[in-house]
Amino acid sequence: MTDFDLIYDGLPNAPVAIILAHGAGKGMDSPFMQYFAESLAANDICVIRFEFAYMNRARQRGKRLPPDRMPVLLEAYHNVIQAVRKRLADHAALYIGGKSMGGRVASMVLEESCASGVVCLGYPFHPPGKPEKLRVEHLHGIKKKTLIVQGERDTFGKREEVAQYNLPSHFQMAWMTDGDHGFKPRKASGRTEQENWDSAVSTILQFLSKV
């Protein structure tokens, strides 16, 4: 642990680094976050995880708390980027991203940051059951490299729904077969969660390799 309770997986002098923020309900040590961080780090990527302040408060109180307001989350992510950039090797390419809410926050700070691109794991295009409440307006202003890894039946944005959003042509979409918000497929699909997670990791590695 260092400033901001950062967890580094991989070496800080790796050629590519990525900051990953957690989703709204689970922290940086969730099985999902840990798997992706360790898998990417095993492929010469420096992965940095951190937690927003409300998640730290939730741990201290022993109960779930709602996320802070978006301005607070945005400021926190900006601060983490600045702290991480100082520690990385000068030549390292820096990317940002996260799971669900963490990816959304990352996408909102991207254009004002020094990061080269963003990776969103299960982007929350809209609240479940409320497809009319879209969270896509700012996405159309993103000019940097963007990868969105999404489960085909994600209740925050299914494949058929996202196809109607007219996202920027340079966005890369990777669809996880029959996956839900955490990329878990139904048993009847013949696909496993492990296969979808591994497929997502491979896709991210390909995306990050194009530096």
N, C-alpha and C. Protein backbone atom coordinates (compact mmCIF):
# COMPACT_ATOMS: atom_id res chain seq x y z
N MET A 1 0.84 -1.20 0.00
CA MET A 1 0.00 0.00 0.00
C MET A 1 0.88 1.26 0.00
N THR A 2 0.41 2.27 -0.72
CA THR A 2 1.10 3.56 -0.73
C THR A 2 0.05 4.65 -0.60
N ASP A 3 0.37 5.85 -1.09
CA ASP A 3 -0.62 6.93 -1.03
C ASP A 3 -1.91 6.50 -1.72
N PHE A 4 -3.05 6.99 -1.20
CA PHE A 4 -4.37 6.68 -1.73
C PHE A 4 -4.71 5.19 -1.60
N ASP A 5 -3.96 4.45 -0.79
CA ASP A 5 -4.19 3.01 -0.67
C ASP A 5 -4.13 2.35 -2.05
N LEU A 6 -3.04 2.58 -2.76
CA LEU A 6 -2.86 1.99 -4.07
C LEU A 6 -2.27 0.59 -3.94
N ILE A 7 -2.72 -0.31 -4.78
CA ILE A 7 -2.13 -1.64 -4.89
C ILE A 7 -1.49 -1.74 -6.27
N TYR A 8 -0.19 -2.05 -6.28
CA TYR A 8 0.52 -2.23 -7.54
C TYR A 8 0.70 -3.73 -7.81
N ASP A 9 0.25 -4.18 -8.96
CA ASP A 9 0.54 -5.52 -9.44
C ASP A 9 1.45 -5.36 -10.65
N GLY A 10 2.61 -6.02 -10.61
CA GLY A 10 3.57 -5.82 -11.69
C GLY A 10 4.56 -4.73 -11.30
N LEU A 11 5.57 -4.56 -12.13
CA LEU A 11 6.64 -3.61 -11.84
C LEU A 11 6.30 -2.20 -12.34
N PRO A 12 6.59 -1.17 -11.54
CA PRO A 12 6.32 0.21 -11.96
C PRO A 12 7.09 0.63 -13.22
N ASN A 13 8.18 -0.09 -13.54
CA ASN A 13 8.95 0.27 -14.73
C ASN A 13 8.52 -0.51 -15.97
N ALA A 14 7.36 -1.15 -15.90
CA ALA A 14 6.82 -1.85 -17.07
C ALA A 14 6.53 -0.84 -18.18
N PRO A 15 6.56 -1.25 -19.44
CA PRO A 15 6.35 -0.32 -20.55
C PRO A 15 4.93 0.25 -20.62
N VAL A 16 3.97 -0.48 -20.05
CA VAL A 16 2.57 -0.04 -20.06
C VAL A 16 1.99 -0.20 -18.67
N ALA A 17 1.23 0.79 -18.24
CA ALA A 17 0.56 0.74 -16.94
C ALA A 17 -0.91 1.10 -17.11
N ILE A 18 -1.74 0.52 -16.26
CA ILE A 18 -3.16 0.85 -16.30
C ILE A 18 -3.71 0.94 -14.88
N ILE A 19 -4.45 2.00 -14.62
CA ILE A 19 -5.14 2.18 -13.34
C ILE A 19 -6.54 1.61 -13.48
N LEU A 20 -6.95 0.76 -12.55
CA LEU A 20 -8.28 0.18 -12.58
C LEU A 20 -9.04 0.53 -11.30
N ALA A 21 -10.20 1.14 -11.47
CA ALA A 21 -11.05 1.49 -10.33
C ALA A 21 -12.17 0.47 -10.20
N HIS A 22 -12.65 0.28 -9.00
CA HIS A 22 -13.68 -0.72 -8.72
C HIS A 22 -15.08 -0.23 -9.09
N GLY A 23 -16.04 -1.15 -9.03
CA GLY A 23 -17.44 -0.80 -9.28
C GLY A 23 -18.09 -0.22 -8.03
N ALA A 24 -19.36 0.10 -8.12
CA ALA A 24 -20.05 0.79 -7.03
C ALA A 24 -20.19 -0.05 -5.77
N GLY A 25 -20.36 -1.37 -5.93
CA GLY A 25 -20.69 -2.18 -4.77
C GLY A 25 -19.58 -3.00 -4.15
N LYS A 26 -18.48 -3.21 -4.88
CA LYS A 26 -17.38 -4.03 -4.38
C LYS A 26 -16.07 -3.30 -4.56
N GLY A 27 -15.14 -3.55 -3.62
CA GLY A 27 -13.88 -2.82 -3.61
C GLY A 27 -12.82 -3.35 -4.54
N MET A 28 -11.61 -2.82 -4.37
CA MET A 28 -10.51 -3.15 -5.27
C MET A 28 -9.99 -4.57 -5.08
N ASP A 29 -10.42 -5.25 -4.00
CA ASP A 29 -9.96 -6.61 -3.75
C ASP A 29 -11.00 -7.67 -4.08
N SER A 30 -12.03 -7.31 -4.83
CA SER A 30 -13.04 -8.29 -5.23
C SER A 30 -12.38 -9.34 -6.12
N PRO A 31 -12.95 -10.55 -6.22
CA PRO A 31 -12.38 -11.58 -7.09
C PRO A 31 -12.22 -11.09 -8.52
N PHE A 32 -13.17 -10.33 -9.02
CA PHE A 32 -13.10 -9.80 -10.38
C PHE A 32 -11.89 -8.89 -10.54
N MET A 33 -11.79 -7.91 -9.66
CA MET A 33 -10.69 -6.95 -9.75
C MET A 33 -9.33 -7.63 -9.58
N GLN A 34 -9.27 -8.55 -8.63
CA GLN A 34 -8.00 -9.23 -8.37
C GLN A 34 -7.58 -10.08 -9.56
N TYR A 35 -8.54 -10.76 -10.17
CA TYR A 35 -8.20 -11.63 -11.31
C TYR A 35 -7.65 -10.82 -12.47
N PHE A 36 -8.32 -9.73 -12.80
CA PHE A 36 -7.88 -8.94 -13.94
C PHE A 36 -6.54 -8.27 -13.67
N ALA A 37 -6.36 -7.78 -12.45
CA ALA A 37 -5.09 -7.13 -12.10
C ALA A 37 -3.94 -8.12 -12.19
N GLU A 38 -4.10 -9.28 -11.60
CA GLU A 38 -3.02 -10.26 -11.58
C GLU A 38 -2.76 -10.85 -12.96
N SER A 39 -3.81 -11.06 -13.74
CA SER A 39 -3.64 -11.62 -15.08
C SER A 39 -2.92 -10.66 -16.00
N LEU A 40 -3.25 -9.38 -15.93
CA LEU A 40 -2.58 -8.39 -16.75
C LEU A 40 -1.14 -8.21 -16.30
N ALA A 41 -0.93 -8.21 -14.99
CA ALA A 41 0.42 -8.03 -14.45
C ALA A 41 1.34 -9.17 -14.87
N ALA A 42 0.77 -10.35 -15.04
CA ALA A 42 1.56 -11.51 -15.46
C ALA A 42 2.04 -11.37 -16.90
N ASN A 43 1.52 -10.37 -17.60
CA ASN A 43 1.89 -10.14 -19.00
C ASN A 43 2.61 -8.81 -19.17
N ASP A 44 3.42 -8.46 -18.18
CA ASP A 44 4.29 -7.28 -18.23
C ASP A 44 3.52 -5.97 -18.30
N ILE A 45 2.37 -5.95 -17.64
CA ILE A 45 1.58 -4.71 -17.49
C ILE A 45 1.60 -4.33 -16.02
N CYS A 46 1.88 -3.08 -15.72
CA CYS A 46 1.77 -2.60 -14.35
C CYS A 46 0.33 -2.19 -14.10
N VAL A 47 -0.33 -2.85 -13.16
CA VAL A 47 -1.73 -2.56 -12.86
C VAL A 47 -1.82 -1.92 -11.48
N ILE A 48 -2.53 -0.80 -11.43
CA ILE A 48 -2.68 -0.07 -10.17
C ILE A 48 -4.15 -0.03 -9.80
N ARG A 49 -4.47 -0.53 -8.61
CA ARG A 49 -5.84 -0.48 -8.11
C ARG A 49 -5.94 0.51 -6.95
N PHE A 50 -7.09 1.11 -6.81
CA PHE A 50 -7.33 2.02 -5.68
C PHE A 50 -8.80 1.99 -5.32
N GLU A 51 -9.13 2.59 -4.18
CA GLU A 51 -10.51 2.66 -3.75
C GLU A 51 -10.94 4.11 -3.54
N PHE A 52 -12.17 4.39 -3.91
CA PHE A 52 -12.76 5.69 -3.64
C PHE A 52 -13.04 5.81 -2.14
N ALA A 53 -13.11 7.03 -1.67
CA ALA A 53 -13.23 7.27 -0.23
C ALA A 53 -14.46 6.61 0.39
N TYR A 54 -15.58 6.59 -0.32
CA TYR A 54 -16.79 6.01 0.25
C TYR A 54 -16.62 4.52 0.53
N MET A 55 -15.81 3.83 -0.29
CA MET A 55 -15.59 2.41 -0.07
C MET A 55 -14.74 2.19 1.19
N ASN A 56 -13.78 3.08 1.42
CA ASN A 56 -13.01 3.01 2.66
C ASN A 56 -13.90 3.22 3.88
N ARG A 57 -14.83 4.16 3.76
CA ARG A 57 -15.77 4.41 4.86
C ARG A 57 -16.65 3.18 5.10
N ALA A 58 -17.06 2.55 4.02
CA ALA A 58 -17.92 1.37 4.13
C ALA A 58 -17.18 0.25 4.85
N ARG A 59 -15.90 0.09 4.56
CA ARG A 59 -15.10 -0.94 5.24
C ARG A 59 -15.01 -0.66 6.73
N GLN A 60 -14.78 0.61 7.06
CA GLN A 60 -14.62 0.99 8.46
C GLN A 60 -15.92 0.79 9.25
N ARG A 61 -17.04 1.05 8.60
CA ARG A 61 -18.34 0.95 9.28
C ARG A 61 -18.93 -0.45 9.18
N GLY A 62 -18.37 -1.27 8.33
CA GLY A 62 -18.86 -2.63 8.19
C GLY A 62 -20.20 -2.73 7.52
N LYS A 63 -20.54 -1.78 6.69
CA LYS A 63 -21.80 -1.85 5.96
C LYS A 63 -21.66 -1.16 4.60
N ARG A 64 -22.51 -1.53 3.69
CA ARG A 64 -22.46 -0.97 2.34
C ARG A 64 -22.94 0.47 2.33
N LEU A 65 -22.22 1.31 1.59
CA LEU A 65 -22.59 2.72 1.47
C LEU A 65 -22.69 3.08 -0.01
N PRO A 66 -23.52 4.06 -0.36
CA PRO A 66 -23.62 4.49 -1.76
C PRO A 66 -22.39 5.29 -2.16
N PRO A 67 -22.08 5.33 -3.44
CA PRO A 67 -20.92 6.11 -3.90
C PRO A 67 -21.09 7.59 -3.60
N ASP A 68 -19.98 8.30 -3.51
CA ASP A 68 -20.03 9.75 -3.38
C ASP A 68 -20.57 10.36 -4.66
N ARG A 69 -20.87 11.66 -4.61
CA ARG A 69 -21.33 12.36 -5.81
C ARG A 69 -20.24 12.32 -6.88
N MET A 70 -20.66 12.40 -8.13
CA MET A 70 -19.73 12.28 -9.24
C MET A 70 -18.56 13.27 -9.17
N PRO A 71 -18.75 14.55 -8.82
CA PRO A 71 -17.60 15.45 -8.74
C PRO A 71 -16.52 14.96 -7.78
N VAL A 72 -16.93 14.33 -6.67
CA VAL A 72 -15.98 13.80 -5.71
C VAL A 72 -15.21 12.62 -6.31
N LEU A 73 -15.92 11.76 -7.04
CA LEU A 73 -15.28 10.62 -7.67
C LEU A 73 -14.30 11.07 -8.76
N LEU A 74 -14.69 12.06 -9.53
CA LEU A 74 -13.83 12.57 -10.60
C LEU A 74 -12.54 13.16 -10.03
N GLU A 75 -12.68 13.94 -8.97
CA GLU A 75 -11.49 14.55 -8.35
C GLU A 75 -10.56 13.47 -7.81
N ALA A 76 -11.14 12.44 -7.21
CA ALA A 76 -10.33 11.36 -6.66
C ALA A 76 -9.55 10.66 -7.76
N TYR A 77 -10.20 10.40 -8.88
CA TYR A 77 -9.51 9.71 -9.97
C TYR A 77 -8.39 10.58 -10.53
N HIS A 78 -8.65 11.86 -10.69
CA HIS A 78 -7.60 12.78 -11.16
C HIS A 78 -6.39 12.74 -10.22
N ASN A 79 -6.65 12.75 -8.92
CA ASN A 79 -5.56 12.74 -7.94
C ASN A 79 -4.75 11.45 -8.02
N VAL A 80 -5.43 10.34 -8.22
CA VAL A 80 -4.73 9.07 -8.34
C VAL A 80 -3.85 9.05 -9.59
N ILE A 81 -4.37 9.56 -10.70
CA ILE A 81 -3.59 9.61 -11.94
C ILE A 81 -2.31 10.41 -11.73
N GLN A 82 -2.42 11.55 -11.07
CA GLN A 82 -1.24 12.39 -10.83
C GLN A 82 -0.22 11.67 -9.95
N ALA A 83 -0.70 10.98 -8.92
CA ALA A 83 0.20 10.27 -8.02
C ALA A 83 0.90 9.10 -8.73
N VAL A 84 0.15 8.38 -9.54
CA VAL A 84 0.71 7.23 -10.26
C VAL A 84 1.70 7.68 -11.31
N ARG A 85 1.38 8.74 -12.03
CA ARG A 85 2.26 9.22 -13.10
C ARG A 85 3.65 9.57 -12.55
N LYS A 86 3.70 10.10 -11.35
CA LYS A 86 4.98 10.48 -10.74
C LYS A 86 5.84 9.26 -10.41
N ARG A 87 5.19 8.15 -10.15
CA ARG A 87 5.92 6.95 -9.74
C ARG A 87 6.36 6.10 -10.94
N LEU A 88 5.65 6.18 -12.03
CA LEU A 88 5.96 5.34 -13.19
C LEU A 88 7.22 5.83 -13.90
N ALA A 89 7.83 4.94 -14.66
CA ALA A 89 8.97 5.32 -15.50
C ALA A 89 8.49 6.31 -16.55
N ASP A 90 9.35 7.24 -16.92
CA ASP A 90 8.97 8.30 -17.85
C ASP A 90 8.47 7.75 -19.19
N HIS A 91 9.01 6.60 -19.59
CA HIS A 91 8.64 6.06 -20.90
C HIS A 91 7.33 5.27 -20.87
N ALA A 92 6.80 4.99 -19.70
CA ALA A 92 5.63 4.13 -19.59
C ALA A 92 4.38 4.80 -20.15
N ALA A 93 3.63 4.05 -20.93
CA ALA A 93 2.34 4.52 -21.43
C ALA A 93 1.30 4.24 -20.36
N LEU A 94 0.50 5.25 -20.02
CA LEU A 94 -0.48 5.11 -18.95
C LEU A 94 -1.90 5.06 -19.51
N TYR A 95 -2.64 4.05 -19.07
CA TYR A 95 -4.06 3.92 -19.40
C TYR A 95 -4.86 3.93 -18.10
N ILE A 96 -6.14 4.21 -18.22
CA ILE A 96 -7.01 4.19 -17.05
C ILE A 96 -8.25 3.37 -17.38
N GLY A 97 -9.03 3.04 -16.36
CA GLY A 97 -10.23 2.26 -16.60
C GLY A 97 -10.83 1.77 -15.31
N GLY A 98 -11.65 0.73 -15.43
CA GLY A 98 -12.26 0.18 -14.24
C GLY A 98 -13.48 -0.65 -14.53
N LYS A 99 -14.03 -1.21 -13.45
CA LYS A 99 -15.21 -2.05 -13.51
C LYS A 99 -16.45 -1.18 -13.33
N SER A 100 -17.38 -1.27 -14.26
CA SER A 100 -18.67 -0.59 -14.16
C SER A 100 -18.52 0.89 -13.83
N MET A 101 -18.93 1.32 -12.62
CA MET A 101 -18.83 2.72 -12.24
C MET A 101 -17.40 3.23 -12.36
N GLY A 102 -16.42 2.41 -11.98
CA GLY A 102 -15.03 2.82 -12.07
C GLY A 102 -14.62 3.14 -13.49
N GLY A 103 -15.12 2.35 -14.44
CA GLY A 103 -14.84 2.62 -15.84
C GLY A 103 -15.54 3.87 -16.34
N ARG A 104 -16.73 4.09 -15.83
CA ARG A 104 -17.46 5.29 -16.23
C ARG A 104 -16.73 6.55 -15.75
N VAL A 105 -16.29 6.54 -14.50
CA VAL A 105 -15.55 7.68 -13.97
C VAL A 105 -14.27 7.90 -14.79
N ALA A 106 -13.58 6.81 -15.09
CA ALA A 106 -12.35 6.91 -15.87
C ALA A 106 -12.63 7.54 -17.24
N SER A 107 -13.72 7.14 -17.86
CA SER A 107 -14.05 7.68 -19.18
C SER A 107 -14.37 9.18 -19.11
N MET A 108 -14.82 9.64 -17.96
CA MET A 108 -15.18 11.05 -17.79
C MET A 108 -13.97 11.93 -17.51
N VAL A 109 -12.88 11.34 -17.00
CA VAL A 109 -11.68 12.14 -16.74
C VAL A 109 -10.65 11.98 -17.86
N LEU A 110 -10.87 11.03 -18.75
CA LEU A 110 -9.88 10.66 -19.76
C LEU A 110 -9.34 11.84 -20.55
N GLU A 111 -10.22 12.62 -21.16
CA GLU A 111 -9.78 13.67 -22.08
C GLU A 111 -9.02 14.79 -21.37
N GLU A 112 -9.21 14.92 -20.07
CA GLU A 112 -8.51 15.97 -19.32
C GLU A 112 -7.27 15.42 -18.61
N SER A 113 -6.95 14.17 -18.85
CA SER A 113 -5.84 13.53 -18.16
C SER A 113 -4.68 13.28 -19.12
N CYS A 114 -3.57 12.77 -18.54
CA CYS A 114 -2.40 12.41 -19.34
C CYS A 114 -2.49 10.98 -19.86
N ALA A 115 -3.58 10.28 -19.57
CA ALA A 115 -3.73 8.89 -19.98
C ALA A 115 -3.92 8.80 -21.50
N SER A 116 -3.43 7.69 -22.04
CA SER A 116 -3.51 7.48 -23.50
C SER A 116 -4.83 6.87 -23.94
N GLY A 117 -5.55 6.24 -23.01
CA GLY A 117 -6.80 5.60 -23.38
C GLY A 117 -7.50 5.03 -22.17
N VAL A 118 -8.65 4.40 -22.40
CA VAL A 118 -9.46 3.90 -21.30
C VAL A 118 -9.97 2.50 -21.62
N VAL A 119 -10.09 1.69 -20.55
CA VAL A 119 -10.65 0.35 -20.65
C VAL A 119 -11.81 0.25 -19.68
N CYS A 120 -13.01 0.04 -20.21
CA CYS A 120 -14.21 -0.06 -19.38
C CYS A 120 -14.68 -1.50 -19.34
N LEU A 121 -14.75 -2.07 -18.16
CA LEU A 121 -15.17 -3.46 -17.98
C LEU A 121 -16.61 -3.49 -17.48
N GLY A 122 -17.54 -3.71 -18.39
CA GLY A 122 -18.95 -3.68 -18.03
C GLY A 122 -19.41 -2.25 -17.85
N TYR A 123 -19.47 -1.48 -18.94
CA TYR A 123 -19.84 -0.06 -18.81
C TYR A 123 -21.33 0.05 -18.45
N PRO A 124 -21.66 0.89 -17.46
CA PRO A 124 -23.06 1.07 -17.05
C PRO A 124 -23.77 2.08 -17.94
N PHE A 125 -24.17 1.63 -19.12
CA PHE A 125 -24.81 2.53 -20.07
C PHE A 125 -26.10 3.13 -19.52
N HIS A 126 -26.78 2.40 -18.67
CA HIS A 126 -28.01 2.89 -18.03
C HIS A 126 -28.26 2.03 -16.79
N PRO A 127 -29.04 2.53 -15.82
CA PRO A 127 -29.37 1.71 -14.66
C PRO A 127 -30.21 0.51 -15.11
N PRO A 128 -30.09 -0.63 -14.46
CA PRO A 128 -30.90 -1.80 -14.83
C PRO A 128 -32.39 -1.48 -14.82
N GLY A 129 -33.06 -1.85 -15.88
CA GLY A 129 -34.49 -1.62 -15.97
C GLY A 129 -34.88 -0.21 -16.35
N LYS A 130 -33.89 0.67 -16.58
CA LYS A 130 -34.18 2.06 -16.95
C LYS A 130 -33.37 2.47 -18.18
N PRO A 131 -33.65 1.84 -19.32
CA PRO A 131 -32.87 2.10 -20.54
C PRO A 131 -32.99 3.54 -21.04
N GLU A 132 -33.98 4.27 -20.55
CA GLU A 132 -34.15 5.65 -20.98
C GLU A 132 -33.17 6.60 -20.30
N LYS A 133 -32.59 6.17 -19.19
CA LYS A 133 -31.65 7.01 -18.45
C LYS A 133 -30.22 6.71 -18.88
N LEU A 134 -29.89 7.16 -20.08
CA LEU A 134 -28.59 6.84 -20.67
C LEU A 134 -27.44 7.64 -20.07
N ARG A 135 -26.28 7.03 -20.05
CA ARG A 135 -25.05 7.67 -19.57
C ARG A 135 -24.02 7.64 -20.69
N VAL A 136 -24.41 8.16 -21.83
CA VAL A 136 -23.55 8.07 -23.01
C VAL A 136 -23.14 9.41 -23.61
N GLU A 137 -23.72 10.49 -23.15
CA GLU A 137 -23.48 11.79 -23.78
C GLU A 137 -22.00 12.14 -23.85
N HIS A 138 -21.27 11.97 -22.76
CA HIS A 138 -19.86 12.35 -22.75
C HIS A 138 -19.00 11.42 -23.60
N LEU A 139 -19.49 10.21 -23.84
CA LEU A 139 -18.71 9.26 -24.63
C LEU A 139 -18.46 9.78 -26.05
N HIS A 140 -19.39 10.54 -26.57
CA HIS A 140 -19.26 11.04 -27.94
C HIS A 140 -18.17 12.11 -28.06
N GLY A 141 -17.67 12.61 -26.93
CA GLY A 141 -16.61 13.60 -26.96
C GLY A 141 -15.22 13.00 -26.75
N ILE A 142 -15.16 11.69 -26.58
CA ILE A 142 -13.87 11.03 -26.34
C ILE A 142 -13.14 10.81 -27.66
N LYS A 143 -11.92 11.30 -27.72
CA LYS A 143 -11.10 11.15 -28.93
C LYS A 143 -9.97 10.14 -28.72
N LYS A 144 -9.66 9.83 -27.48
CA LYS A 144 -8.57 8.89 -27.19
C LYS A 144 -9.04 7.44 -27.35
N LYS A 145 -8.08 6.54 -27.31
CA LYS A 145 -8.36 5.12 -27.48
C LYS A 145 -9.31 4.62 -26.40
N THR A 146 -10.32 3.87 -26.81
CA THR A 146 -11.33 3.39 -25.88
C THR A 146 -11.70 1.95 -26.16
N LEU A 147 -11.66 1.13 -25.12
CA LEU A 147 -12.09 -0.27 -25.20
C LEU A 147 -13.19 -0.49 -24.18
N ILE A 148 -14.30 -1.02 -24.64
CA ILE A 148 -15.39 -1.39 -23.75
C ILE A 148 -15.61 -2.89 -23.87
N VAL A 149 -15.43 -3.60 -22.75
CA VAL A 149 -15.67 -5.03 -22.70
C VAL A 149 -17.00 -5.23 -22.00
N GLN A 150 -17.95 -5.85 -22.68
CA GLN A 150 -19.33 -5.90 -22.20
C GLN A 150 -19.91 -7.30 -22.34
N GLY A 151 -20.68 -7.73 -21.34
CA GLY A 151 -21.42 -8.98 -21.44
C GLY A 151 -22.59 -8.80 -22.39
N GLU A 152 -22.87 -9.79 -23.20
CA GLU A 152 -23.93 -9.67 -24.21
C GLU A 152 -25.30 -9.43 -23.60
N ARG A 153 -25.53 -9.92 -22.38
CA ARG A 153 -26.85 -9.73 -21.74
C ARG A 153 -26.73 -8.88 -20.48
N ASP A 154 -25.78 -7.98 -20.46
CA ASP A 154 -25.58 -7.07 -19.33
C ASP A 154 -26.82 -6.21 -19.15
N THR A 155 -27.40 -6.22 -17.96
CA THR A 155 -28.61 -5.43 -17.70
C THR A 155 -28.32 -3.93 -17.67
N PHE A 156 -27.04 -3.56 -17.66
CA PHE A 156 -26.65 -2.14 -17.73
C PHE A 156 -26.43 -1.70 -19.18
N GLY A 157 -26.64 -2.60 -20.12
CA GLY A 157 -26.45 -2.29 -21.53
C GLY A 157 -26.22 -3.55 -22.34
N LYS A 158 -27.31 -4.12 -22.87
CA LYS A 158 -27.21 -5.34 -23.66
C LYS A 158 -26.71 -5.03 -25.07
N ARG A 159 -26.28 -6.07 -25.74
CA ARG A 159 -25.68 -5.90 -27.06
C ARG A 159 -26.62 -5.20 -28.03
N GLU A 160 -27.88 -5.60 -28.05
CA GLU A 160 -28.84 -5.00 -28.98
C GLU A 160 -29.13 -3.55 -28.63
N GLU A 161 -29.03 -3.21 -27.35
CA GLU A 161 -29.25 -1.82 -26.93
C GLU A 161 -28.07 -0.94 -27.34
N VAL A 162 -26.87 -1.40 -27.04
CA VAL A 162 -25.67 -0.61 -27.32
C VAL A 162 -25.52 -0.35 -28.81
N ALA A 163 -26.01 -1.26 -29.64
CA ALA A 163 -25.91 -1.10 -31.09
C ALA A 163 -26.66 0.14 -31.58
N GLN A 164 -27.59 0.63 -30.75
CA GLN A 164 -28.41 1.78 -31.14
C GLN A 164 -27.82 3.11 -30.66
N TYR A 165 -26.71 3.08 -29.92
CA TYR A 165 -26.19 4.29 -29.32
C TYR A 165 -25.27 5.10 -30.24
N ASN A 166 -24.91 4.55 -31.37
CA ASN A 166 -24.03 5.26 -32.31
C ASN A 166 -22.76 5.78 -31.63
N LEU A 167 -22.07 4.89 -30.96
CA LEU A 167 -20.83 5.26 -30.29
C LEU A 167 -19.77 5.63 -31.32
N PRO A 168 -18.77 6.42 -30.94
CA PRO A 168 -17.71 6.83 -31.87
C PRO A 168 -17.10 5.62 -32.60
N SER A 169 -16.80 5.81 -33.86
CA SER A 169 -16.32 4.71 -34.69
C SER A 169 -14.97 4.15 -34.23
N HIS A 170 -14.18 4.95 -33.50
CA HIS A 170 -12.89 4.46 -33.05
C HIS A 170 -12.97 3.64 -31.77
N PHE A 171 -14.14 3.58 -31.16
CA PHE A 171 -14.31 2.75 -29.97
C PHE A 171 -14.18 1.28 -30.35
N GLN A 172 -13.54 0.51 -29.49
CA GLN A 172 -13.46 -0.93 -29.69
C GLN A 172 -14.40 -1.60 -28.70
N MET A 173 -15.36 -2.36 -29.21
CA MET A 173 -16.30 -3.10 -28.38
C MET A 173 -15.93 -4.58 -28.41
N ALA A 174 -15.87 -5.19 -27.25
CA ALA A 174 -15.61 -6.63 -27.16
C ALA A 174 -16.75 -7.26 -26.37
N TRP A 175 -17.46 -8.17 -27.00
CA TRP A 175 -18.64 -8.77 -26.37
C TRP A 175 -18.33 -10.14 -25.80
N MET A 176 -18.62 -10.31 -24.52
CA MET A 176 -18.39 -11.57 -23.85
C MET A 176 -19.63 -12.46 -23.99
N THR A 177 -19.45 -13.62 -24.55
CA THR A 177 -20.54 -14.52 -24.90
C THR A 177 -21.50 -14.78 -23.75
N ASP A 178 -22.77 -14.38 -23.93
CA ASP A 178 -23.84 -14.63 -22.97
C ASP A 178 -23.52 -14.08 -21.58
N GLY A 179 -22.58 -13.15 -21.49
CA GLY A 179 -22.14 -12.65 -20.20
C GLY A 179 -23.11 -11.66 -19.56
N ASP A 180 -23.12 -11.66 -18.22
CA ASP A 180 -23.89 -10.66 -17.48
C ASP A 180 -22.97 -9.48 -17.17
N HIS A 181 -23.28 -8.70 -16.14
CA HIS A 181 -22.50 -7.50 -15.84
C HIS A 181 -21.08 -7.84 -15.40
N GLY A 182 -20.89 -9.05 -14.86
CA GLY A 182 -19.55 -9.50 -14.48
C GLY A 182 -19.00 -10.51 -15.48
N PHE A 183 -19.64 -10.60 -16.66
CA PHE A 183 -19.25 -11.48 -17.77
C PHE A 183 -19.60 -12.95 -17.51
N LYS A 184 -20.38 -13.24 -16.47
CA LYS A 184 -20.75 -14.64 -16.20
C LYS A 184 -21.87 -15.08 -17.15
N PRO A 185 -21.67 -16.17 -17.89
CA PRO A 185 -22.69 -16.67 -18.80
C PRO A 185 -23.62 -17.66 -18.10
N ARG A 186 -24.73 -17.96 -18.73
CA ARG A 186 -25.60 -19.01 -18.20
C ARG A 186 -25.02 -20.37 -18.55
N LYS A 187 -25.30 -21.35 -17.70
CA LYS A 187 -24.74 -22.68 -17.90
C LYS A 187 -25.14 -23.26 -19.25
N ALA A 188 -26.37 -22.97 -19.66
CA ALA A 188 -26.88 -23.52 -20.92
C ALA A 188 -26.12 -23.00 -22.14
N SER A 189 -25.37 -21.92 -21.97
CA SER A 189 -24.65 -21.34 -23.09
C SER A 189 -23.47 -22.20 -23.53
N GLY A 190 -23.01 -23.07 -22.61
CA GLY A 190 -21.85 -23.88 -22.91
C GLY A 190 -20.54 -23.13 -22.70
N ARG A 191 -20.66 -21.93 -22.21
CA ARG A 191 -19.51 -21.07 -21.95
C ARG A 191 -19.32 -20.97 -20.44
N THR A 192 -18.10 -20.75 -19.99
CA THR A 192 -17.85 -20.59 -18.56
C THR A 192 -17.42 -19.16 -18.26
N GLU A 193 -17.57 -18.78 -17.00
CA GLU A 193 -17.12 -17.47 -16.56
C GLU A 193 -15.62 -17.32 -16.77
N GLN A 194 -14.88 -18.38 -16.47
CA GLN A 194 -13.43 -18.36 -16.63
C GLN A 194 -13.05 -18.08 -18.08
N GLU A 195 -13.76 -18.68 -19.01
CA GLU A 195 -13.46 -18.46 -20.43
C GLU A 195 -13.72 -17.01 -20.83
N ASN A 196 -14.80 -16.45 -20.31
CA ASN A 196 -15.09 -15.05 -20.63
C ASN A 196 -14.07 -14.11 -20.00
N TRP A 197 -13.67 -14.39 -18.77
CA TRP A 197 -12.66 -13.55 -18.12
C TRP A 197 -11.34 -13.63 -18.88
N ASP A 198 -10.96 -14.83 -19.28
CA ASP A 198 -9.71 -14.99 -20.03
C ASP A 198 -9.79 -14.30 -21.39
N SER A 199 -10.94 -14.38 -22.02
CA SER A 199 -11.13 -13.71 -23.30
C SER A 199 -11.02 -12.20 -23.13
N ALA A 200 -11.58 -11.69 -22.03
CA ALA A 200 -11.50 -10.25 -21.75
C ALA A 200 -10.06 -9.82 -21.52
N VAL A 201 -9.31 -10.62 -20.77
CA VAL A 201 -7.91 -10.30 -20.51
C VAL A 201 -7.13 -10.26 -21.82
N SER A 202 -7.34 -11.25 -22.69
CA SER A 202 -6.65 -11.28 -23.98
C SER A 202 -6.97 -10.05 -24.81
N THR A 203 -8.23 -9.64 -24.79
CA THR A 203 -8.65 -8.46 -25.55
C THR A 203 -7.97 -7.20 -25.02
N ILE A 204 -7.90 -7.08 -23.70
CA ILE A 204 -7.25 -5.92 -23.09
C ILE A 204 -5.77 -5.89 -23.44
N LEU A 205 -5.12 -7.03 -23.39
CA LEU A 205 -3.70 -7.10 -23.72
C LEU A 205 -3.44 -6.67 -25.16
N GLN A 206 -4.30 -7.08 -26.07
CA GLN A 206 -4.16 -6.67 -27.47
C GLN A 206 -4.35 -5.16 -27.61
N PHE A 207 -5.32 -4.65 -26.89
CA PHE A 207 -5.59 -3.21 -26.91
C PHE A 207 -4.40 -2.41 -26.39
N LEU A 208 -3.83 -2.86 -25.27
CA LEU A 208 -2.72 -2.15 -24.66
C LEU A 208 -1.42 -2.32 -25.43
N SER A 209 -1.33 -3.35 -26.24
CA SER A 209 -0.09 -3.58 -26.99
C SER A 209 0.08 -2.63 -28.16
N LYS A 210 -1.00 -1.98 -28.54
CA LYS A 210 -0.94 -1.08 -29.70
C LYS A 210 -0.53 0.33 -29.27
N VAL A 211 0.65 0.41 -28.65
CA VAL A 211 1.14 1.69 -28.13
C VAL A 211 2.05 2.33 -29.17
